[in-house]
PDB file of N, CA and C in Angstrom:
ATOM      1  N   MET A   1     -46.377   1.115 -28.962  1.00  0.00           N
ATOM      2  CA  MET A   1     -47.102   0.228 -27.930  1.00  0.00           C
ATOM      3  C   MET A   1     -46.717   0.407 -27.164  1.00  0.00           C
ATOM      4  N   THR A   2     -47.550  -0.546 -26.295  1.00  0.00           N
ATOM      5  CA  THR A   2     -46.996   0.025 -25.048  1.00  0.00           C
ATOM      6  C   THR A   2     -46.358  -1.639 -24.004  1.00  0.00           C
ATOM      7  N   ILE A   3     -46.073  -2.145 -22.986  1.00  0.00           N
ATOM      8  CA  ILE A   3     -45.806  -3.352 -22.232  1.00  0.00           C
ATOM      9  C   ILE A   3     -47.269  -4.126 -23.034  1.00  0.00           C
ATOM     10  N   THR A   4     -48.152  -4.010 -22.345  1.00  0.00           N
ATOM     11  CA  THR A   4     -49.442  -4.065 -22.160  1.00  0.00           C
ATOM     12  C   THR A   4     -50.563  -4.523 -23.281  1.00  0.00           C
ATOM     13  N   ASP A   5     -49.920  -3.499 -24.500  1.00  0.00           N
ATOM     14  CA  ASP A   5     -50.245  -3.966 -25.919  1.00  0.00           C
ATOM     15  C   ASP A   5     -49.901  -5.109 -26.752  1.00  0.00           C
ATOM     16  N   ALA A   6     -48.125  -5.309 -26.373  1.00  0.00           N
ATOM     17  CA  ALA A   6     -47.210  -6.304 -26.585  1.00  0.00           C
ATOM     18  C   ALA A   6     -47.555  -7.590 -26.139  1.00  0.00           C
ATOM     19  N   ARG A   7     -47.934  -8.139 -25.222  1.00  0.00           N
ATOM     20  CA  ARG A   7     -48.180  -8.899 -24.275  1.00  0.00           C
ATOM     21  C   ARG A   7     -49.530  -9.342 -24.630  1.00  0.00           C
ATOM     22  N   ASN A   8     -50.530  -8.257 -25.086  1.00  0.00           N
ATOM     23  CA  ASN A   8     -51.542  -9.305 -25.575  1.00  0.00           C
ATOM     24  C   ASN A   8     -52.013  -9.048 -26.765  1.00  0.00           C
ATOM     25  N   SER A   9     -50.796  -8.931 -27.766  1.00  0.00           N
ATOM     26  CA  SER A   9     -51.352  -9.361 -28.783  1.00  0.00           C
ATOM     27  C   SER A   9     -50.843 -10.740 -29.609  1.00  0.00           C
ATOM     28  N   ALA A  10     -51.476 -11.199 -30.647  1.00  0.00           N
ATOM     29  CA  ALA A  10     -51.777 -12.808 -30.769  1.00  0.00           C
ATOM     30  C   ALA A  10     -50.509 -13.130 -31.108  1.00  0.00           C
ATOM     31  N   PRO A  11     -49.855 -12.622 -32.339  1.00  0.00           N
ATOM     32  CA  PRO A  11     -48.568 -13.757 -32.857  1.00  0.00           C
ATOM     33  C   PRO A  11     -47.887 -13.845 -31.097  1.00  0.00           C
ATOM     34  N   VAL A  12     -47.604 -13.211 -30.682  1.00  0.00           N
ATOM     35  CA  VAL A  12     -46.646 -13.723 -29.105  1.00  0.00           C
ATOM     36  C   VAL A  12     -46.892 -14.619 -28.294  1.00  0.00           C
ATOM     37  N   ASP A  13     -48.820 -14.585 -27.812  1.00  0.00           N
ATOM     38  CA  ASP A  13     -49.206 -15.417 -27.561  1.00  0.00           C
ATOM     39  C   ASP A  13     -49.364 -17.034 -28.054  1.00  0.00           C
ATOM     40  N   VAL A  14     -49.388 -17.133 -29.444  1.00  0.00           N
ATOM     41  CA  VAL A  14     -49.644 -18.215 -30.005  1.00  0.00           C
ATOM     42  C   VAL A  14     -47.586 -18.708 -30.012  1.00  0.00           C
ATOM     43  N   VAL A  15     -46.942 -18.116 -29.986  1.00  0.00           N
ATOM     44  CA  VAL A  15     -44.859 -18.508 -29.707  1.00  0.00           C
ATOM     45  C   VAL A  15     -45.023 -18.603 -27.960  1.00  0.00           C
ATOM     46  N   LYS A  16     -45.973 -18.283 -27.441  1.00  0.00           N
ATOM     47  CA  LYS A  16     -45.635 -18.532 -25.889  1.00  0.00           C
ATOM     48  C   LYS A  16     -46.434 -19.589 -25.226  1.00  0.00           C
ATOM     49  N   TRP A  17     -47.650 -19.667 -26.120  1.00  0.00           N
ATOM     50  CA  TRP A  17     -48.221 -21.226 -25.735  1.00  0.00           C
ATOM     51  C   TRP A  17     -47.194 -22.684 -26.218  1.00  0.00           C
ATOM     52  N   ILE A  18     -47.109 -22.221 -27.594  1.00  0.00           N
ATOM     53  CA  ILE A  18     -46.152 -23.253 -28.541  1.00  0.00           C
ATOM     54  C   ILE A  18     -44.655 -23.971 -27.238  1.00  0.00           C
ATOM     55  N   ALA A  19     -44.176 -22.592 -26.792  1.00  0.00           N
ATOM     56  CA  ALA A  19     -42.760 -22.726 -25.889  1.00  0.00           C
ATOM     57  C   ALA A  19     -43.725 -23.504 -24.839  1.00  0.00           C
ATOM     58  N   THR A  20     -44.245 -22.999 -23.820  1.00  0.00           N
ATOM     59  CA  THR A  20     -44.488 -23.520 -22.923  1.00  0.00           C
ATOM     60  C   THR A  20     -45.594 -25.363 -22.984  1.00  0.00           C
ATOM     61  N   VAL A  21     -45.761 -25.693 -24.336  1.00  0.00           N
ATOM     62  CA  VAL A  21     -46.261 -26.867 -24.488  1.00  0.00           C
ATOM     63  C   VAL A  21     -44.962 -27.742 -24.619  1.00  0.00           C
ATOM     64  N   VAL A  22     -43.942 -27.032 -25.635  1.00  0.00           N
ATOM     65  CA  VAL A  22     -42.638 -27.270 -26.016  1.00  0.00           C
ATOM     66  C   VAL A  22     -41.751 -27.832 -24.731  1.00  0.00           C
ATOM     67  N   GLN A  23     -41.617 -26.980 -23.930  1.00  0.00           N
ATOM     68  CA  GLN A  23     -41.102 -27.092 -22.259  1.00  0.00           C
ATOM     69  C   GLN A  23     -41.868 -28.247 -21.826  1.00  0.00           C
ATOM     70  N   LEU A  24     -42.923 -28.209 -21.637  1.00  0.00           N
ATOM     71  CA  LEU A  24     -44.080 -29.737 -21.079  1.00  0.00           C
ATOM     72  C   LEU A  24     -43.135 -30.656 -21.605  1.00  0.00           C
ATOM     73  N   VAL A  25     -43.336 -31.037 -23.165  1.00  0.00           N
ATOM     74  CA  VAL A  25     -43.095 -32.256 -23.210  1.00  0.00           C
ATOM     75  C   VAL A  25     -41.465 -32.288 -22.812  1.00  0.00           C
ATOM     76  N   GLY A  26     -40.226 -31.542 -23.063  1.00  0.00           N
ATOM     77  CA  GLY A  26     -39.289 -31.544 -22.380  1.00  0.00           C
ATOM     78  C   GLY A  26     -39.208 -32.200 -21.036  1.00  0.00           C
ATOM     79  N   TYR A  27     -40.068 -32.043 -20.128  1.00  0.00           N
ATOM     80  CA  TYR A  27     -39.960 -32.367 -18.822  1.00  0.00           C
ATOM     81  C   TYR A  27     -40.987 -33.993 -18.941  1.00  0.00           C
ATOM     82  N   GLY A  28     -41.452 -34.052 -20.013  1.00  0.00           N
ATOM     83  CA  GLY A  28     -41.814 -35.372 -19.480  1.00  0.00           C
ATOM     84  C   GLY A  28     -41.234 -36.233 -20.663  1.00  0.00           C
ATOM     85  N   LEU A  29     -40.430 -35.550 -21.751  1.00  0.00           N
ATOM     86  CA  LEU A  29     -39.112 -36.811 -21.713  1.00  0.00           C
ATOM     87  C   LEU A  29     -38.480 -36.960 -20.893  1.00  0.00           C
ATOM     88  N   THR A  30     -38.263 -35.537 -20.262  1.00  0.00           N
ATOM     89  CA  THR A  30     -36.988 -36.216 -18.575  1.00  0.00           C
ATOM     90  C   THR A  30     -37.825 -37.132 -18.086  1.00  0.00           C
ATOM     91  N   GLY A  31     -38.801 -36.865 -17.796  1.00  0.00           N
ATOM     92  CA  GLY A  31     -39.729 -38.012 -16.572  1.00  0.00           C
ATOM     93  C   GLY A  31     -39.020 -38.861 -17.497  1.00  0.00           C
ATOM     94  N   LEU A  32     -39.205 -39.635 -18.191  1.00  0.00           N
ATOM     95  CA  LEU A  32     -39.618 -41.189 -19.285  1.00  0.00           C
ATOM     96  C   LEU A  32     -38.328 -41.294 -19.398  1.00  0.00           C
ATOM     97  N   GLY A  33     -37.456 -40.656 -19.086  1.00  0.00           N
ATOM     98  CA  GLY A  33     -35.470 -40.653 -19.131  1.00  0.00           C
ATOM     99  C   GLY A  33     -35.472 -41.146 -20.819  1.00  0.00           C
ATOM    100  N   LEU A  34     -35.711 -40.367 -21.949  1.00  0.00           N
ATOM    101  CA  LEU A  34     -35.688 -40.046 -23.094  1.00  0.00           C
ATOM    102  C   LEU A  34     -34.630 -38.771 -23.584  1.00  0.00           C
ATOM    103  N   THR A  35     -33.373 -39.074 -23.413  1.00  0.00           N
ATOM    104  CA  THR A  35     -32.533 -38.434 -23.452  1.00  0.00           C
ATOM    105  C   THR A  35     -32.285 -39.152 -25.127  1.00  0.00           C
ATOM    106  N   PRO A  36     -31.481 -38.104 -26.135  1.00  0.00           N
ATOM    107  CA  PRO A  36     -31.341 -36.460 -25.939  1.00  0.00           C
ATOM    108  C   PRO A  36     -32.532 -35.562 -26.161  1.00  0.00           C
ATOM    109  N   TRP A  37     -33.863 -37.054 -26.558  1.00  0.00           N
ATOM    110  CA  TRP A  37     -34.984 -35.970 -27.088  1.00  0.00           C
ATOM    111  C   TRP A  37     -35.158 -35.345 -25.763  1.00  0.00           C
ATOM    112  N   ASN A  38     -35.246 -35.499 -24.715  1.00  0.00           N
ATOM    113  CA  ASN A  38     -35.707 -33.868 -23.897  1.00  0.00           C
ATOM    114  C   ASN A  38     -34.823 -32.667 -23.610  1.00  0.00           C
ATOM    115  N   ILE A  39     -33.544 -33.069 -24.522  1.00  0.00           N
ATOM    116  CA  ILE A  39     -32.346 -31.701 -24.310  1.00  0.00           C
ATOM    117  C   ILE A  39     -32.986 -31.075 -25.608  1.00  0.00           C
ATOM    118  N   TRP A  40     -33.674 -31.875 -27.220  1.00  0.00           N
ATOM    119  CA  TRP A  40     -34.118 -31.164 -28.081  1.00  0.00           C
ATOM    120  C   TRP A  40     -35.139 -30.282 -27.691  1.00  0.00           C
ATOM    121  N   ALA A  41     -36.035 -31.090 -26.691  1.00  0.00           N
ATOM    122  CA  ALA A  41     -37.490 -29.934 -27.015  1.00  0.00           C
ATOM    123  C   ALA A  41     -36.654 -28.897 -26.000  1.00  0.00           C
ATOM    124  N   PHE A  42     -36.203 -29.192 -25.088  1.00  0.00           N
ATOM    125  CA  PHE A  42     -35.906 -28.006 -23.780  1.00  0.00           C
ATOM    126  C   PHE A  42     -35.087 -26.960 -24.637  1.00  0.00           C
ATOM    127  N   PHE A  43     -34.436 -27.374 -25.682  1.00  0.00           N
ATOM    128  CA  PHE A  43     -33.435 -26.188 -26.814  1.00  0.00           C
ATOM    129  C   PHE A  43     -34.233 -25.734 -27.157  1.00  0.00           C
ATOM    130  N   VAL A  44     -35.897 -26.275 -28.190  1.00  0.00           N
ATOM    131  CA  VAL A  44     -36.321 -25.435 -28.849  1.00  0.00           C
ATOM    132  C   VAL A  44     -37.398 -24.304 -27.935  1.00  0.00           C
ATOM    133  N   GLY A  45     -37.539 -25.092 -26.750  1.00  0.00           N
ATOM    134  CA  GLY A  45     -38.788 -24.283 -25.770  1.00  0.00           C
ATOM    135  C   GLY A  45     -37.585 -22.938 -25.220  1.00  0.00           C
ATOM    136  N   ILE A  46     -36.476 -22.977 -25.340  1.00  0.00           N
ATOM    137  CA  ILE A  46     -35.272 -22.445 -24.624  1.00  0.00           C
ATOM    138  C   ILE A  46     -35.788 -20.772 -25.874  1.00  0.00           C
ATOM    139  N   ALA A  47     -35.999 -21.248 -27.167  1.00  0.00           N
ATOM    140  CA  ALA A  47     -35.267 -20.537 -28.341  1.00  0.00           C
ATOM    141  C   ALA A  47     -36.669 -19.859 -28.450  1.00  0.00           C
ATOM    142  N   LEU A  48     -38.022 -20.658 -28.260  1.00  0.00           N
ATOM    143  CA  LEU A  48     -39.217 -20.057 -28.017  1.00  0.00           C
ATOM    144  C   LEU A  48     -39.324 -18.896 -27.300  1.00  0.00           C
ATOM    145  N   TRP A  49     -39.201 -18.904 -25.993  1.00  0.00           N
ATOM    146  CA  TRP A  49     -39.094 -18.216 -25.291  1.00  0.00           C
ATOM    147  C   TRP A  49     -38.118 -16.927 -24.951  1.00  0.00           C
ATOM    148  N   PHE A  50     -36.796 -17.215 -25.249  1.00  0.00           N
ATOM    149  CA  PHE A  50     -36.033 -16.107 -25.601  1.00  0.00           C
ATOM    150  C   PHE A  50     -36.889 -14.811 -26.823  1.00  0.00           C
ATOM    151  N   ALA A  51     -37.650 -15.913 -27.802  1.00  0.00           N
ATOM    152  CA  ALA A  51     -38.161 -15.369 -29.076  1.00  0.00           C
ATOM    153  C   ALA A  51     -39.319 -14.377 -28.807  1.00  0.00           C
ATOM    154  N   VAL A  52     -40.159 -14.525 -26.922  1.00  0.00           N
ATOM    155  CA  VAL A  52     -40.740 -14.012 -26.514  1.00  0.00           C
ATOM    156  C   VAL A  52     -40.268 -12.847 -25.974  1.00  0.00           C
ATOM    157  N   GLY A  53     -39.571 -13.258 -25.042  1.00  0.00           N
ATOM    158  CA  GLY A  53     -39.060 -11.636 -24.320  1.00  0.00           C
ATOM    159  C   GLY A  53     -38.534 -10.982 -25.819  1.00  0.00           C
ATOM    160  N   ALA A  54     -37.499 -11.168 -26.399  1.00  0.00           N
ATOM    161  CA  ALA A  54     -37.332  -9.957 -27.331  1.00  0.00           C
ATOM    162  C   ALA A  54     -38.938  -9.902 -28.022  1.00  0.00           C
ATOM    163  N   MET A  55     -39.584  -9.879 -28.380  1.00  0.00           N
ATOM    164  CA  MET A  55     -41.138  -9.741 -28.882  1.00  0.00           C
ATOM    165  C   MET A  55     -41.136  -8.342 -27.727  1.00  0.00           C
ATOM    166  N   TRP A  56     -41.264  -8.989 -26.135  1.00  0.00           N
ATOM    167  CA  TRP A  56     -41.967  -8.347 -25.529  1.00  0.00           C
ATOM    168  C   TRP A  56     -40.903  -6.790 -24.808  1.00  0.00           C
ATOM    169  N   LYS A  57     -39.810  -7.178 -25.774  1.00  0.00           N
ATOM    170  CA  LYS A  57     -38.166  -6.584 -25.074  1.00  0.00           C
ATOM    171  C   LYS A  57     -37.968  -6.948 -23.396  1.00  0.00           C
ATOM    172  N   ASP A  58     -38.331  -7.814 -23.048  1.00  0.00           N
ATOM    173  CA  ASP A  58     -38.326  -8.138 -21.823  1.00  0.00           C
ATOM    174  C   ASP A  58     -37.246  -8.751 -21.409  1.00  0.00           C
ATOM    175  N   LYS A  59     -35.809  -7.526 -20.806  1.00  0.00           N
ATOM    176  CA  LYS A  59     -34.685  -8.299 -20.986  1.00  0.00           C
ATOM    177  C   LYS A  59     -34.590  -9.535 -19.814  1.00  0.00           C
ATOM    178  N   ALA A  60     -35.072  -9.486 -19.259  1.00  0.00           N
ATOM    179  CA  ALA A  60     -35.096 -10.364 -17.751  1.00  0.00           C
ATOM    180  C   ALA A  60     -35.645 -11.790 -18.221  1.00  0.00           C
ATOM    181  N   ILE A  61     -36.235 -11.987 -19.380  1.00  0.00           N
ATOM    182  CA  ILE A  61     -36.730 -13.345 -20.269  1.00  0.00           C
ATOM    183  C   ILE A  61     -35.869 -13.555 -20.844  1.00  0.00           C
ATOM    184  N   MET A  62     -35.103 -12.703 -21.578  1.00  0.00           N
ATOM    185  CA  MET A  62     -34.513 -13.123 -22.436  1.00  0.00           C
ATOM    186  C   MET A  62     -33.133 -13.502 -21.848  1.00  0.00           C
ATOM    187  N   VAL A  63     -32.625 -12.976 -20.732  1.00  0.00           N
ATOM    188  CA  VAL A  63     -31.522 -13.335 -20.033  1.00  0.00           C
ATOM    189  C   VAL A  63     -32.039 -15.037 -19.537  1.00  0.00           C
ATOM    190  N   VAL A  64     -32.390 -14.656 -18.595  1.00  0.00           N
ATOM    191  CA  VAL A  64     -32.607 -16.682 -17.964  1.00  0.00           C
ATOM    192  C   VAL A  64     -32.509 -17.445 -18.689  1.00  0.00           C
ATOM    193  N   HIS A  65     -33.302 -17.032 -20.702  1.00  0.00           N
ATOM    194  CA  HIS A  65     -33.110 -18.713 -21.325  1.00  0.00           C
ATOM    195  C   HIS A  65     -31.742 -18.109 -21.952  1.00  0.00           C
ATOM    196  N   VAL A  66     -31.067 -17.496 -22.022  1.00  0.00           N
ATOM    197  CA  VAL A  66     -29.742 -17.583 -22.362  1.00  0.00           C
ATOM    198  C   VAL A  66     -29.152 -18.725 -21.105  1.00  0.00           C
ATOM    199  N   GLY A  67     -28.821 -17.856 -19.925  1.00  0.00           N
ATOM    200  CA  GLY A  67     -28.976 -18.470 -19.087  1.00  0.00           C
ATOM    201  C   GLY A  67     -28.569 -20.250 -19.100  1.00  0.00           C
ATOM    202  N   ALA A  68     -30.117 -20.533 -19.541  1.00  0.00           N
ATOM    203  CA  ALA A  68     -30.813 -21.008 -19.757  1.00  0.00           C
ATOM    204  C   ALA A  68     -29.846 -22.586 -20.895  1.00  0.00           C
ATOM    205  N   PHE A  69     -29.734 -21.504 -21.567  1.00  0.00           N
ATOM    206  CA  PHE A  69     -29.359 -22.474 -22.979  1.00  0.00           C
ATOM    207  C   PHE A  69     -28.082 -22.558 -22.299  1.00  0.00           C
ATOM    208  N   VAL A  70     -27.079 -21.923 -21.638  1.00  0.00           N
ATOM    209  CA  VAL A  70     -25.559 -22.437 -21.863  1.00  0.00           C
ATOM    210  C   VAL A  70     -25.010 -23.408 -20.699  1.00  0.00           C
ATOM    211  N   SER A  71     -25.846 -22.996 -19.346  1.00  0.00           N
ATOM    212  CA  SER A  71     -26.251 -24.478 -18.448  1.00  0.00           C
ATOM    213  C   SER A  71     -26.554 -25.617 -18.955  1.00  0.00           C
ATOM    214  N   LEU A  72     -28.002 -26.047 -19.938  1.00  0.00           N
ATOM    215  CA  LEU A  72     -28.143 -27.192 -21.155  1.00  0.00           C
ATOM    216  C   LEU A  72     -26.824 -27.411 -21.607  1.00  0.00           C
ATOM    217  N   MET A  73     -26.480 -26.552 -22.200  1.00  0.00           N
ATOM    218  CA  MET A  73     -25.216 -27.446 -23.345  1.00  0.00           C
ATOM    219  C   MET A  73     -23.961 -27.241 -23.143  1.00  0.00           C
ATOM    220  N   ILE A  74     -23.742 -26.318 -22.155  1.00  0.00           N
ATOM    221  CA  ILE A  74     -22.700 -26.927 -20.736  1.00  0.00           C
ATOM    222  C   ILE A  74     -22.428 -28.680 -20.653  1.00  0.00           C
ATOM    223  N   GLY A  75     -24.278 -28.615 -19.557  1.00  0.00           N
ATOM    224  CA  GLY A  75     -24.702 -29.984 -19.696  1.00  0.00           C
ATOM    225  C   GLY A  75     -24.229 -31.538 -20.788  1.00  0.00           C
ATOM    226  N   TYR A  76     -25.563 -31.173 -21.480  1.00  0.00           N
ATOM    227  CA  TYR A  76     -24.710 -31.806 -23.001  1.00  0.00           C
ATOM    228  C   TYR A  76     -23.977 -32.050 -23.098  1.00  0.00           C
ATOM    229  N   LEU A  77     -22.248 -31.248 -23.911  1.00  0.00           N
ATOM    230  CA  LEU A  77     -21.394 -31.556 -23.866  1.00  0.00           C
ATOM    231  C   LEU A  77     -20.791 -32.688 -23.360  1.00  0.00           C
ATOM    232  N   ASN A  78     -20.735 -32.399 -22.097  1.00  0.00           N
ATOM    233  CA  ASN A  78     -20.031 -32.841 -20.439  1.00  0.00           C
ATOM    234  C   ASN A  78     -20.809 -34.235 -20.336  1.00  0.00           C
ATOM    235  N   ALA A  79     -21.953 -34.606 -20.984  1.00  0.00           N
ATOM    236  CA  ALA A  79     -22.744 -35.957 -20.771  1.00  0.00           C
ATOM    237  C   ALA A  79     -21.894 -37.397 -21.627  1.00  0.00           C
TER     238      ALA A  79
END
C-alpha cells in the first residue's frame, strides 16, 4: 500500500475527522474558559491524531503529537 492509498482509506479518514472535531471542541472550551474539560479534549484529540500518524506511518505527525502531549501534560501537572 502506498502513502496515497493509506491516506485515502476510509478508517483513517474517520479517525482524522473525529480527531479534528475533538481538537476544535478543545479550542472552543478553552475560549469559554472551561478547564479542565478543554485539556481532556486536547488529550483525546492528540491521541487520535497520533493514531492517524501511526496509520499513515508518518513519523512527523507522531512526533509533533508526542511533543504536544508532553507539553500539555507538564502544563496540566504544574497548574
